[in-house]
Amino acid sequence: MATRVLDSWALMALFMDQTGAEQVENILIRAEAGKDRLLLSAVNWGEIYYSIHRAVSKEAAEAKSRDIAAMPIQIMPINDDLELVRQAAIFKATKRMAYADCFAAALAKLNNAELITGDEEFREVSGEIKVHWLR
């Protein structure tokens, strides 16, 4: 079973039926069948929530948070050991990336996982982590 990390870009593409939505659907189907383990950083969950809240409404953000909860995705919290935060901070200090994106990249690196995204910003770390580009 492969471990894969979803960037917020991937789920937003699914929710907004944008480029890559069909690929994300297929990834979710594989996870539901037990073929892949999907992870999402709590920081990226928050990024999805605030983006939908800002663009649509709080009610829409709540609805999408319930949708995510029903998906075969494990939300990864920030633990007391701060390993995830440390790796995200290293990426932020050394790469030109948004801080929330650094959490997705850090989660992928620490779990030796493939990152699922269409966000070109992740080219910054494509030499350090495996990236599955949604097109």
Protein backbone atom coordinates (compact mmCIF):
# COMPACT_ATOMS: atom_id res chain seq x y z
CA MET A 1 0.00 0.00 0.00
CA ALA A 2 1.44 3.34 -1.07
CA THR A 3 1.20 6.40 1.16
CA ARG A 4 0.17 9.58 -0.61
CA VAL A 5 -0.23 13.14 0.68
CA LEU A 6 -2.93 15.41 -0.66
CA ASP A 7 -2.15 19.08 -1.00
CA SER A 8 -5.08 21.45 -0.51
CA TRP A 9 -4.83 22.21 -4.26
CA ALA A 10 -5.92 18.65 -5.04
CA LEU A 11 -9.06 18.73 -2.90
CA MET A 12 -9.96 22.23 -4.05
CA ALA A 13 -9.70 21.01 -7.67
CA LEU A 14 -12.10 18.21 -6.78
CA PHE A 15 -14.55 20.50 -4.99
CA MET A 16 -14.52 23.09 -7.78
CA ASP A 17 -14.48 20.50 -10.60
CA GLN A 18 -11.26 21.92 -12.01
CA THR A 19 -8.31 20.37 -13.82
CA GLY A 20 -7.23 17.23 -12.00
CA ALA A 21 -10.60 16.57 -10.35
CA GLU A 22 -11.05 13.23 -12.11
CA GLN A 23 -7.57 12.11 -11.07
CA VAL A 24 -8.33 13.04 -7.45
CA GLU A 25 -11.57 11.03 -7.65
CA ASN A 26 -9.58 8.01 -8.87
CA ILE A 27 -7.05 8.45 -6.05
CA LEU A 28 -9.90 8.51 -3.52
CA ILE A 29 -11.40 5.35 -5.06
CA ARG A 30 -8.04 3.58 -4.72
CA ALA A 31 -7.82 4.65 -1.07
CA GLU A 32 -11.38 3.50 -0.40
CA ALA A 33 -10.40 0.10 -1.84
CA GLY A 34 -7.43 -0.07 0.52
CA LYS A 35 -4.83 0.34 -2.21
CA ASP A 36 -3.43 3.65 -0.95
CA ARG A 37 -3.17 5.47 2.36
CA LEU A 38 -4.06 9.16 2.03
CA LEU A 39 -2.79 11.84 4.40
CA LEU A 40 -3.69 15.52 4.73
CA SER A 41 -1.94 17.92 7.08
CA ALA A 42 -4.23 19.67 9.57
CA VAL A 43 -2.70 22.93 8.31
CA ASN A 44 -3.78 22.12 4.74
CA TRP A 45 -7.24 21.13 6.04
CA GLY A 46 -7.40 24.62 7.55
CA GLU A 47 -6.30 26.14 4.25
CA ILE A 48 -9.21 24.44 2.49
CA TYR A 49 -11.63 25.56 5.19
CA TYR A 50 -10.60 29.22 5.16
CA SER A 51 -10.50 29.35 1.35
CA ILE A 52 -14.06 28.10 1.05
CA HIS A 53 -15.25 30.23 3.97
CA ARG A 54 -13.74 33.34 2.37
CA ALA A 55 -14.90 32.61 -1.19
CA VAL A 56 -18.34 31.18 -0.48
CA SER A 57 -19.53 31.03 3.15
CA LYS A 58 -18.97 29.49 6.55
CA GLU A 59 -21.80 27.05 5.83
CA ALA A 60 -20.08 25.88 2.64
CA ALA A 61 -16.80 25.46 4.53
CA GLU A 62 -18.57 23.38 7.17
CA ALA A 63 -20.20 21.23 4.46
CA LYS A 64 -16.85 20.59 2.76
CA SER A 65 -15.23 19.76 6.11
CA ARG A 66 -17.92 17.08 6.57
CA ASP A 67 -17.21 15.85 3.02
CA ILE A 68 -13.51 15.53 3.85
CA ALA A 69 -14.33 13.70 7.08
CA ALA A 70 -16.27 11.12 5.05
CA MET A 71 -13.35 10.54 2.67
CA PRO A 72 -10.64 7.90 3.21
CA ILE A 73 -8.16 10.57 4.30
CA GLN A 74 -6.24 10.64 7.56
CA ILE A 75 -5.90 14.19 8.89
CA MET A 76 -2.44 14.51 10.41
CA PRO A 77 -2.26 16.77 13.47
CA ILE A 78 0.67 18.78 14.74
CA ASN A 79 2.28 16.54 17.37
CA ASP A 80 4.14 17.56 20.51
CA ASP A 81 7.47 16.44 19.05
CA LEU A 82 7.15 19.18 16.39
CA GLU A 83 8.92 17.05 13.76
CA LEU A 84 6.41 18.09 11.06
CA VAL A 85 6.66 21.75 12.03
CA ARG A 86 10.46 21.59 12.02
CA GLN A 87 10.56 20.12 8.50
CA ALA A 88 7.98 22.64 7.26
CA ALA A 89 10.07 25.44 8.78
CA ILE A 90 13.20 24.12 7.04
CA PHE A 91 11.37 24.14 3.71
CA LYS A 92 10.08 27.68 4.39
CA ALA A 93 13.58 28.88 5.27
CA THR A 94 15.21 27.36 2.20
CA LYS A 95 12.53 27.38 -0.51
CA ARG A 96 10.21 29.94 -2.05
CA MET A 97 6.93 28.40 -0.91
CA ALA A 98 3.83 29.36 1.03
CA TYR A 99 4.00 28.14 4.62
CA ALA A 100 0.91 25.92 4.30
CA ASP A 101 2.47 24.27 1.23
CA CYS A 102 5.57 23.57 3.30
CA PHE A 103 3.42 21.42 5.61
CA ALA A 104 2.20 19.27 2.72
CA ALA A 105 5.78 18.87 1.48
CA ALA A 106 7.05 18.10 4.98
CA LEU A 107 4.33 15.51 5.53
CA ALA A 108 5.28 13.83 2.25
CA LYS A 109 8.98 13.87 3.11
CA LEU A 110 8.54 12.50 6.63
CA ASN A 111 6.27 9.70 5.40
CA ASN A 112 8.29 8.90 2.27
CA ALA A 113 5.06 9.59 0.41
CA GLU A 114 4.06 10.92 -2.97
CA LEU A 115 2.54 14.40 -2.91
CA ILE A 116 -0.60 14.91 -5.00
CA THR A 117 -0.88 18.47 -6.35
CA GLY A 118 -1.13 20.68 -9.38
CA ASP A 119 0.46 23.67 -7.64
CA GLU A 120 3.61 24.68 -9.52
CA GLU A 121 5.10 26.02 -6.28
CA PHE A 122 6.03 22.43 -5.39
CA ARG A 123 8.69 22.43 -8.13
CA GLU A 124 10.83 23.93 -5.35
CA VAL A 125 10.89 20.57 -3.54
CA SER A 126 10.47 18.13 -6.44
CA GLY A 127 14.10 17.06 -5.99
CA GLU A 128 13.45 16.09 -2.37
CA ILE A 129 10.02 14.48 -2.57
CA LYS A 130 8.08 12.58 -5.21
CA VAL A 131 5.32 14.70 -6.74
CA HIS A 132 2.33 13.41 -8.68
CA TRP A 133 1.31 16.35 -10.88
CA LEU A 134 -2.41 16.73 -11.51
CA ARG A 135 -3.13 17.87 -15.05
